[in-house]
């Protein structure tokens, strides 16, 4: 006896019919897939240009369009959008693309391709704009999560607004699934460092705002002229929100352009200081080997080495590092040593009658400078050893001075 087929529950049948209807409205959610492809393409391009696939530094994220309050307030407002297509590694990218794939297809079918794209971009901009008040004040903010939260917000509002016309089972599933995603993600953002929860909230609010204005596909199909007007109204509301949030953002706490320019200038000045010290050491070797006379070395101290150290001194004086940067102590020490080295190399000399060996014109000052330089080198060695991590160090530490800081002078 064959088993009897169980009747399909009415709610399940209604939900199945609703899913079929949604798929019929948009058999291919090409905008969702296009956005995923664009995000992946940007990441792949970054990696192809040498950016770390897993942990790209903040400086490179900023170069690739990351969001930072200091740069937006300089007029680079395009960062509000470009930052949402940049990701801080493959894990960040995959998590956001999974969210876009899961929520984006439903949102695209409910609202249609064009309106869906407007929702995505509007939510992305609002997320970046709210971040200007929080995370982007001190860090470089990137990622599509704010836009994904916007899609979550618009779907949640759509389900709540149209729960009487949508299948109950579909509505419950959407509210349960997306609601859990929103609550869990926001909670994780508050508990974990490095998560731009302001962007999540900004995207969510923008999506919810548009959801309160926009019609879903049944209404859109029945009254296209009215739907177009409401779509324009929704986009205008989000545009006003974005402009207002960006305009009211407080002055940036960190000037990223100055910060990264200072870091580059610091590395350059340190390399030049090391090079000057290395040339001085090489000249000492030539002097000891008899390939350079004391008089020649003495003259080169004033004509070659003193100008080099004065140039390095000027470069170091122009370097700015943020308060609290552990390299500041190293910078101050090298600034002092470069000034002392410039004075030592530039000091006049005298050659006593009957001698071929130049002597410093001010022996007491020379002795004091040499002692200060030796003590400074010891402090520098200690600072370099105690720097917190290789990212806070120059490529090489300052070279120790030669035994005599003025090769041609005894």
Protein backbone atom coordinates (compact mmCIF):
# COMPACT_ATOMS: atom_id res chain seq x y z
CA UNK A 1 0.00 0.00 0.00
CA UNK A 2 1.58 3.22 -1.12
CA UNK A 3 1.74 6.01 1.45
CA UNK A 4 -0.65 8.85 0.99
CA UNK A 5 0.84 12.19 -0.01
CA UNK A 6 0.60 14.72 2.77
CA UNK A 7 -1.11 17.95 1.78
CA UNK A 8 1.17 20.96 1.58
CA UNK A 9 0.30 23.46 4.34
CA UNK A 10 -1.44 26.53 3.01
CA UNK A 11 1.18 28.89 4.47
CA UNK A 12 4.03 26.97 2.86
CA UNK A 13 2.23 26.86 -0.47
CA UNK A 14 1.56 30.57 -0.29
CA UNK A 15 5.23 31.26 0.51
CA UNK A 16 6.35 29.06 -2.37
CA UNK A 17 4.04 30.92 -4.71
CA UNK A 18 5.38 34.24 -3.41
CA UNK A 19 8.99 33.13 -4.00
CA UNK A 20 8.09 32.11 -7.54
CA UNK A 21 6.48 35.48 -8.11
CA UNK A 22 9.55 37.32 -6.82
CA UNK A 23 11.81 35.26 -9.07
CA UNK A 24 9.53 36.00 -11.98
CA UNK A 25 9.88 39.73 -11.30
CA UNK A 26 13.68 39.47 -11.38
CA UNK A 27 14.94 36.10 -12.65
CA UNK A 28 18.51 37.45 -12.56
CA UNK A 29 19.58 39.81 -9.83
CA UNK A 30 22.31 41.25 -12.02
CA UNK A 31 22.83 44.41 -9.96
CA UNK A 32 23.67 42.38 -6.83
CA UNK A 33 26.10 40.22 -8.77
CA UNK A 34 27.54 43.27 -10.49
CA UNK A 35 28.22 44.97 -7.15
CA UNK A 36 29.86 41.80 -5.82
CA UNK A 37 32.00 41.58 -8.95
CA UNK A 38 33.01 45.24 -8.61
CA UNK A 39 34.05 44.82 -4.97
CA UNK A 40 36.05 41.70 -5.77
CA UNK A 41 37.65 43.39 -8.78
CA UNK A 42 38.82 46.35 -6.67
CA UNK A 43 40.36 43.97 -4.11
CA UNK A 44 42.04 41.91 -6.86
CA UNK A 45 43.42 45.06 -8.46
CA UNK A 46 44.82 46.20 -5.12
CA UNK A 47 46.52 42.84 -4.57
CA UNK A 48 47.89 42.86 -8.13
CA UNK A 49 49.45 46.26 -7.39
CA UNK A 50 51.26 44.86 -4.35
CA UNK A 51 48.78 45.46 -1.50
CA UNK A 52 48.74 42.74 1.18
CA UNK A 53 45.77 40.43 0.51
CA UNK A 54 45.09 39.84 4.21
CA UNK A 55 46.23 42.87 6.22
CA UNK A 56 46.79 45.96 4.06
CA UNK A 57 48.16 48.93 6.04
CA UNK A 58 45.91 51.89 6.68
CA UNK A 59 48.14 54.17 4.62
CA UNK A 60 47.51 52.09 1.48
CA UNK A 61 43.78 51.86 2.22
CA UNK A 62 43.72 55.66 2.30
CA UNK A 63 45.60 55.82 -1.02
CA UNK A 64 43.02 53.50 -2.57
CA UNK A 65 40.09 55.69 -1.50
CA UNK A 66 39.48 54.91 2.17
CA UNK A 67 37.28 57.25 4.21
CA UNK A 68 38.97 59.64 6.65
CA UNK A 69 37.45 62.78 8.14
CA UNK A 70 40.60 64.85 7.58
CA UNK A 71 40.63 64.12 3.86
CA UNK A 72 36.88 64.55 3.31
CA UNK A 73 37.11 67.91 5.09
CA UNK A 74 39.84 68.87 2.61
CA UNK A 75 37.25 68.47 -0.13
CA UNK A 76 37.81 64.83 -1.10
CA UNK A 77 34.12 63.99 -0.71
CA UNK A 78 34.40 61.19 -3.27
CA UNK A 79 35.92 59.09 -0.49
CA UNK A 80 32.43 58.67 1.00
CA UNK A 81 31.67 56.37 -1.93
CA UNK A 82 35.03 54.90 -2.92
CA UNK A 83 35.68 53.70 0.64
CA UNK A 84 32.71 51.34 0.35
CA UNK A 85 34.40 49.41 -2.47
CA UNK A 86 37.73 49.01 -0.61
CA UNK A 87 38.29 46.22 1.93
CA UNK A 88 40.91 45.59 4.59
CA UNK A 89 41.75 42.07 3.45
CA UNK A 90 40.12 39.02 1.93
CA UNK A 91 38.28 37.99 5.12
CA UNK A 92 36.64 41.42 5.35
CA UNK A 93 35.71 41.20 1.67
CA UNK A 94 34.23 37.69 1.87
CA UNK A 95 32.08 38.49 4.93
CA UNK A 96 30.63 41.60 3.30
CA UNK A 97 30.01 39.87 -0.03
CA UNK A 98 28.18 37.01 1.70
CA UNK A 99 25.91 39.58 3.33
CA UNK A 100 25.37 41.35 0.01
CA UNK A 101 24.59 38.07 -1.73
CA UNK A 102 22.16 36.92 0.99
CA UNK A 103 20.22 40.17 1.47
CA UNK A 104 20.84 41.92 -1.84
CA UNK A 105 18.95 39.45 -4.02
CA UNK A 106 15.78 39.73 -1.92
CA UNK A 107 16.01 43.53 -1.83
CA UNK A 108 16.62 43.71 -5.58
CA UNK A 109 13.59 41.55 -6.33
CA UNK A 110 11.36 43.51 -3.97
CA UNK A 111 12.37 46.98 -5.21
CA UNK A 112 13.63 46.40 -8.74
CA UNK A 113 17.06 46.85 -10.26
CA UNK A 114 17.30 50.65 -10.50
CA UNK A 115 15.75 51.43 -7.14
CA UNK A 116 17.87 48.72 -5.53
CA UNK A 117 21.05 50.34 -6.88
CA UNK A 118 19.90 53.69 -5.49
CA UNK A 119 19.26 52.08 -2.09
CA UNK A 120 22.70 50.50 -2.07
CA UNK A 121 24.57 53.65 -3.03
CA UNK A 122 22.49 55.89 -0.76
CA UNK A 123 23.07 53.60 2.21
CA UNK A 124 26.79 53.43 1.43
CA UNK A 125 27.09 57.22 1.39
CA UNK A 126 25.09 57.63 4.61
CA UNK A 127 27.26 55.00 6.31
CA UNK A 128 30.44 56.86 5.38
CA UNK A 129 28.94 60.21 6.38
CA UNK A 130 28.04 59.04 9.90
CA UNK A 131 31.47 57.44 10.23
CA UNK A 132 32.97 60.94 9.86
CA UNK A 133 31.69 61.60 13.40
CA UNK A 134 33.24 58.48 14.92
CA UNK A 135 35.65 55.92 13.41
CA UNK A 136 36.84 58.03 10.47
CA UNK A 137 37.94 60.69 12.95
CA UNK A 138 40.96 58.59 13.97
CA UNK A 139 41.14 55.66 11.56
CA UNK A 140 40.74 54.92 7.86
CA UNK A 141 37.28 53.43 7.34
CA UNK A 142 36.59 51.01 4.46
CA UNK A 143 34.13 48.32 3.46
CA UNK A 144 30.68 47.61 2.05
CA UNK A 145 29.11 46.66 5.37
CA UNK A 146 27.31 49.99 5.74
CA UNK A 147 25.61 49.46 2.37
CA UNK A 148 24.71 45.89 3.36
CA UNK A 149 23.14 47.20 6.57
CA UNK A 150 21.18 49.63 4.43
CA UNK A 151 19.77 46.71 2.45
CA UNK A 152 18.90 44.98 5.70
CA UNK A 153 17.10 48.10 6.91
CA UNK A 154 15.07 48.57 3.74
CA UNK A 155 13.99 44.89 3.66
CA UNK A 156 13.00 44.93 7.34
CA UNK A 157 10.86 48.04 6.84
CA UNK A 158 9.32 46.57 3.67
CA UNK A 159 8.31 43.42 5.51
CA UNK A 160 6.88 45.37 8.44
CA UNK A 161 4.98 47.83 6.22
CA UNK A 162 3.53 45.16 3.94
CA UNK A 163 3.12 42.28 6.38
CA UNK A 164 -0.60 42.16 5.62
CA UNK A 165 -0.02 41.53 1.91
CA UNK A 166 3.08 39.33 2.15
CA UNK A 167 2.93 35.66 3.12
CA UNK A 168 3.23 35.37 6.91
CA UNK A 169 5.86 32.63 6.76
CA UNK A 170 8.01 34.71 4.40
CA UNK A 171 7.69 37.75 6.64
CA UNK A 172 8.62 35.79 9.77
CA UNK A 173 11.65 34.28 8.09
CA UNK A 174 12.84 37.67 6.87
CA UNK A 175 12.31 39.36 10.22
CA UNK A 176 14.01 36.54 12.08
CA UNK A 177 16.98 36.14 9.74
CA UNK A 178 17.74 39.78 9.00
CA UNK A 179 16.87 40.89 12.52
CA UNK A 180 19.35 38.40 13.96
CA UNK A 181 22.01 39.57 11.48
CA UNK A 182 21.53 43.21 12.47
CA UNK A 183 21.47 42.67 16.24
CA UNK A 184 24.37 40.21 16.26
CA UNK A 185 26.55 42.34 13.97
CA UNK A 186 25.94 45.53 15.94
CA UNK A 187 26.66 43.75 19.22
CA UNK A 188 29.90 42.36 17.81
CA UNK A 189 30.82 45.81 16.59
CA UNK A 190 30.46 47.28 20.08
CA UNK A 191 32.45 44.45 21.64
CA UNK A 192 35.31 44.26 19.12
CA UNK A 193 37.89 46.90 18.40
CA UNK A 194 38.43 48.01 14.82
CA UNK A 195 34.78 47.68 13.72
CA UNK A 196 33.15 50.80 12.26
CA UNK A 197 29.77 50.45 13.95
CA UNK A 198 28.89 54.04 13.10
CA UNK A 199 28.92 53.08 9.42
CA UNK A 200 26.65 50.12 10.19
CA UNK A 201 24.18 52.33 12.02
CA UNK A 202 24.33 55.01 9.31
CA UNK A 203 23.60 52.50 6.56
CA UNK A 204 20.82 50.88 8.58
CA UNK A 205 19.11 54.22 9.25
CA UNK A 206 19.37 55.28 5.61
CA UNK A 207 17.91 51.98 4.43
CA UNK A 208 15.07 52.19 6.94
CA UNK A 209 14.35 55.78 5.88
CA UNK A 210 14.12 54.79 2.22
CA UNK A 211 12.01 51.76 3.16
CA UNK A 212 9.47 54.08 4.77
CA UNK A 213 9.11 56.05 1.53
CA UNK A 214 9.61 53.57 -1.31
CA UNK A 215 6.90 51.29 -2.68
CA UNK A 216 7.65 47.60 -3.08
CA UNK A 217 7.23 45.86 -6.43
CA UNK A 218 3.44 45.21 -6.34
CA UNK A 219 2.74 48.90 -5.78
CA UNK A 220 5.46 49.88 -8.22
CA UNK A 221 3.87 47.82 -10.97
CA UNK A 222 0.36 49.14 -10.34
CA UNK A 223 1.25 52.82 -10.11
CA UNK A 224 4.50 53.55 -11.90
CA UNK A 225 4.23 57.40 -11.98
CA UNK A 226 3.61 57.55 -8.23
CA UNK A 227 6.41 55.04 -7.62
CA UNK A 228 8.87 57.17 -9.57
CA UNK A 229 7.98 60.20 -7.48
CA UNK A 230 8.45 58.29 -4.24
CA UNK A 231 11.79 56.95 -5.47
CA UNK A 232 12.97 60.49 -6.17
CA UNK A 233 11.70 61.57 -2.72
CA UNK A 234 13.56 58.71 -1.03
CA UNK A 235 16.82 59.53 -2.77
CA UNK A 236 16.41 63.23 -1.96
CA UNK A 237 15.84 62.39 1.71
CA UNK A 238 18.98 60.27 1.85
CA UNK A 239 20.97 62.93 -0.03
CA UNK A 240 19.90 65.50 2.58
CA UNK A 241 20.88 63.07 5.32
CA UNK A 242 24.32 62.51 3.79
CA UNK A 243 24.99 66.22 3.25
CA UNK A 244 23.82 67.07 6.77
CA UNK A 245 25.93 64.38 8.43
CA UNK A 246 29.02 65.32 6.45
CA UNK A 247 28.60 69.05 7.06
CA UNK A 248 28.08 68.64 10.81
CA UNK A 249 31.05 66.31 11.36
CA UNK A 250 33.52 67.73 13.90
CA UNK A 251 37.05 68.65 12.80
CA UNK A 252 39.16 65.54 12.28
CA UNK A 253 41.02 64.28 15.33
CA UNK A 254 43.84 62.92 13.15
CA UNK A 255 45.22 64.64 10.06
CA UNK A 256 46.04 61.59 7.96
CA UNK A 257 47.73 63.49 5.15
CA UNK A 258 50.08 65.14 7.61
CA UNK A 259 50.53 61.89 9.54
CA UNK A 260 51.58 59.81 6.54
CA UNK A 261 53.63 62.62 5.01
CA UNK A 262 55.44 62.95 8.34
CA UNK A 263 56.10 59.22 8.47
CA UNK A 264 57.56 59.28 4.94
CA UNK A 265 59.69 62.32 5.76
CA UNK A 266 60.90 60.59 8.94
CA UNK A 267 62.01 57.50 7.02
CA UNK A 268 63.77 59.62 4.38
CA UNK A 269 65.57 61.77 6.95
CA UNK A 270 66.68 58.68 8.89
CA UNK A 271 68.04 57.07 5.74
CA UNK A 272 69.94 60.24 4.89
CA UNK A 273 71.32 60.45 8.43
CA UNK A 274 72.50 56.84 8.24
CA UNK A 275 74.07 57.50 4.84
CA UNK A 276 75.95 60.54 6.18
CA UNK A 277 77.24 58.51 9.13
CA UNK A 278 78.23 55.66 6.83
CA UNK A 279 80.24 57.99 4.56
CA UNK A 280 81.98 59.37 7.61
CA UNK A 281 82.91 55.86 8.75
CA UNK A 282 84.20 54.95 5.30
CA UNK A 283 86.38 58.06 5.26
CA UNK A 284 87.85 57.05 8.61
CA UNK A 285 88.84 53.72 7.07
CA UNK A 286 90.51 55.46 4.11
CA UNK A 287 92.39 57.72 6.50
CA UNK A 288 93.67 54.76 8.56
CA UNK A 289 94.66 52.93 5.37
CA UNK A 290 96.72 55.90 4.23
CA UNK A 291 94.56 56.50 1.17
CA UNK A 292 93.52 59.91 2.44
CA UNK A 293 95.70 62.47 4.20
CA UNK A 294 94.72 64.18 7.43
CA UNK A 295 94.64 67.54 5.64
CA UNK A 296 92.36 66.16 2.91
CA UNK A 297 90.06 64.61 5.47
CA UNK A 298 90.00 67.82 7.49
CA UNK A 299 89.01 69.83 4.43
CA UNK A 300 86.32 67.34 3.46
CA UNK A 301 84.81 67.65 6.93
CA UNK A 302 83.87 71.26 6.21
CA UNK A 303 83.17 70.99 2.48
CA UNK A 304 81.34 67.63 2.32
CA UNK A 305 80.28 66.25 5.70
CA UNK A 306 79.15 69.43 7.46
CA UNK A 307 76.75 70.42 4.62
CA UNK A 308 75.39 66.85 4.56
CA UNK A 309 74.60 66.89 8.28
CA UNK A 310 73.12 70.38 8.07
CA UNK A 311 70.82 69.13 5.31
CA UNK A 312 69.79 66.15 7.43
CA UNK A 313 69.28 68.47 10.39
CA UNK A 314 66.88 70.58 8.31
CA UNK A 315 65.02 67.48 7.10
CA UNK A 316 64.64 66.19 10.66
CA UNK A 317 63.44 69.59 11.87
CA UNK A 318 60.65 69.52 9.28
CA UNK A 319 59.39 66.07 10.32
CA UNK A 320 56.07 65.96 12.18
CA UNK A 321 54.84 62.84 13.97
CA UNK A 322 51.52 62.63 15.84
CA UNK A 323 51.60 63.12 19.63
CA UNK A 324 52.02 59.77 21.30
CA UNK A 325 53.87 58.23 18.36
CA UNK A 326 56.68 56.11 19.90
CA UNK A 327 59.08 57.35 17.21
CA UNK A 328 59.00 60.88 18.63
CA UNK A 329 61.68 60.08 21.22
CA UNK A 330 63.90 58.66 18.49
CA UNK A 331 63.26 61.70 16.31
CA UNK A 332 64.22 64.14 19.07
CA UNK A 333 67.43 62.25 19.81
CA UNK A 334 68.52 62.06 16.17
CA UNK A 335 67.72 65.76 15.69
CA UNK A 336 70.12 66.59 18.50
CA UNK A 337 72.83 64.29 17.22
CA UNK A 338 72.56 65.62 13.66
CA UNK A 339 73.03 69.16 14.98
CA UNK A 340 76.07 68.13 17.00
CA UNK A 341 77.55 66.27 14.03
CA UNK A 342 77.06 69.33 11.80
CA UNK A 343 78.87 71.49 14.37
CA UNK A 344 81.72 68.99 14.75
CA UNK A 345 82.26 68.63 11.01
CA UNK A 346 82.04 72.36 10.42
CA UNK A 347 84.42 73.41 13.21
CA UNK A 348 87.51 75.26 12.06
CA UNK A 349 90.90 73.67 12.65
CA UNK A 350 94.48 74.80 13.12
CA UNK A 351 97.73 73.03 12.28
CA UNK A 352 100.51 73.69 14.84
CA UNK A 353 103.92 74.72 13.45
CA UNK A 354 106.04 71.71 12.54
CA UNK A 355 102.99 69.38 12.54
CA UNK A 356 100.90 67.95 9.73
CA UNK A 357 98.03 66.99 12.00
CA UNK A 358 95.10 69.47 12.17
CA UNK A 359 93.72 70.28 15.62
CA UNK A 360 90.28 71.68 16.51
CA UNK A 361 90.19 75.43 16.93
CA UNK A 362 88.14 74.93 20.12
CA UNK A 363 89.41 71.72 21.77
CA UNK A 364 87.13 72.00 24.79
CA UNK A 365 84.02 72.39 22.67
CA UNK A 366 85.12 69.51 20.42
CA UNK A 367 85.60 67.22 23.43
CA UNK A 368 82.17 68.15 24.79
CA UNK A 369 80.50 67.52 21.44
CA UNK A 370 82.19 64.13 21.03
CA UNK A 371 81.11 63.08 24.51
CA UNK A 372 77.53 64.21 23.83
CA UNK A 373 77.44 62.29 20.55
CA UNK A 374 78.73 59.09 22.17
CA UNK A 375 76.11 59.35 24.95
CA UNK A 376 73.40 60.10 22.38
CA UNK A 377 74.37 57.00 20.37
CA UNK A 378 73.92 54.84 23.46
CA UNK A 379 70.48 56.31 24.07
CA UNK A 380 69.55 55.76 20.42
CA UNK A 381 70.58 52.12 20.59
CA UNK A 382 68.35 51.65 23.65
CA UNK A 383 65.41 53.43 22.00
CA UNK A 384 65.64 51.26 18.89
CA UNK A 385 65.69 48.07 20.97
CA UNK A 386 62.64 49.11 22.98
CA UNK A 387 60.45 50.32 20.09
CA UNK A 388 57.08 48.54 20.20
CA UNK A 389 57.11 46.45 17.04
CA UNK A 390 58.96 46.73 13.76
CA UNK A 391 56.29 48.98 12.25
CA UNK A 392 57.39 51.75 14.63
CA UNK A 393 61.07 51.59 13.68
CA UNK A 394 62.99 53.04 10.76
CA UNK A 395 64.29 50.53 8.25
CA UNK A 396 67.68 50.80 9.98
CA UNK A 397 68.66 52.47 13.19
CA UNK A 398 71.14 55.35 13.19
CA UNK A 399 74.71 54.26 12.59
CA UNK A 400 77.04 54.67 15.59
CA UNK A 401 79.60 57.44 15.03
CA UNK A 402 83.17 56.65 14.20
CA UNK A 403 85.58 56.58 17.14
CA UNK A 404 86.57 60.08 16.18
CA UNK A 405 83.68 62.16 14.83
CA UNK A 406 86.17 64.26 12.88
CA UNK A 407 88.45 61.78 11.00
CA UNK A 408 91.15 64.27 10.12
CA UNK A 409 91.51 65.58 13.68
CA UNK A 410 93.20 63.75 16.54
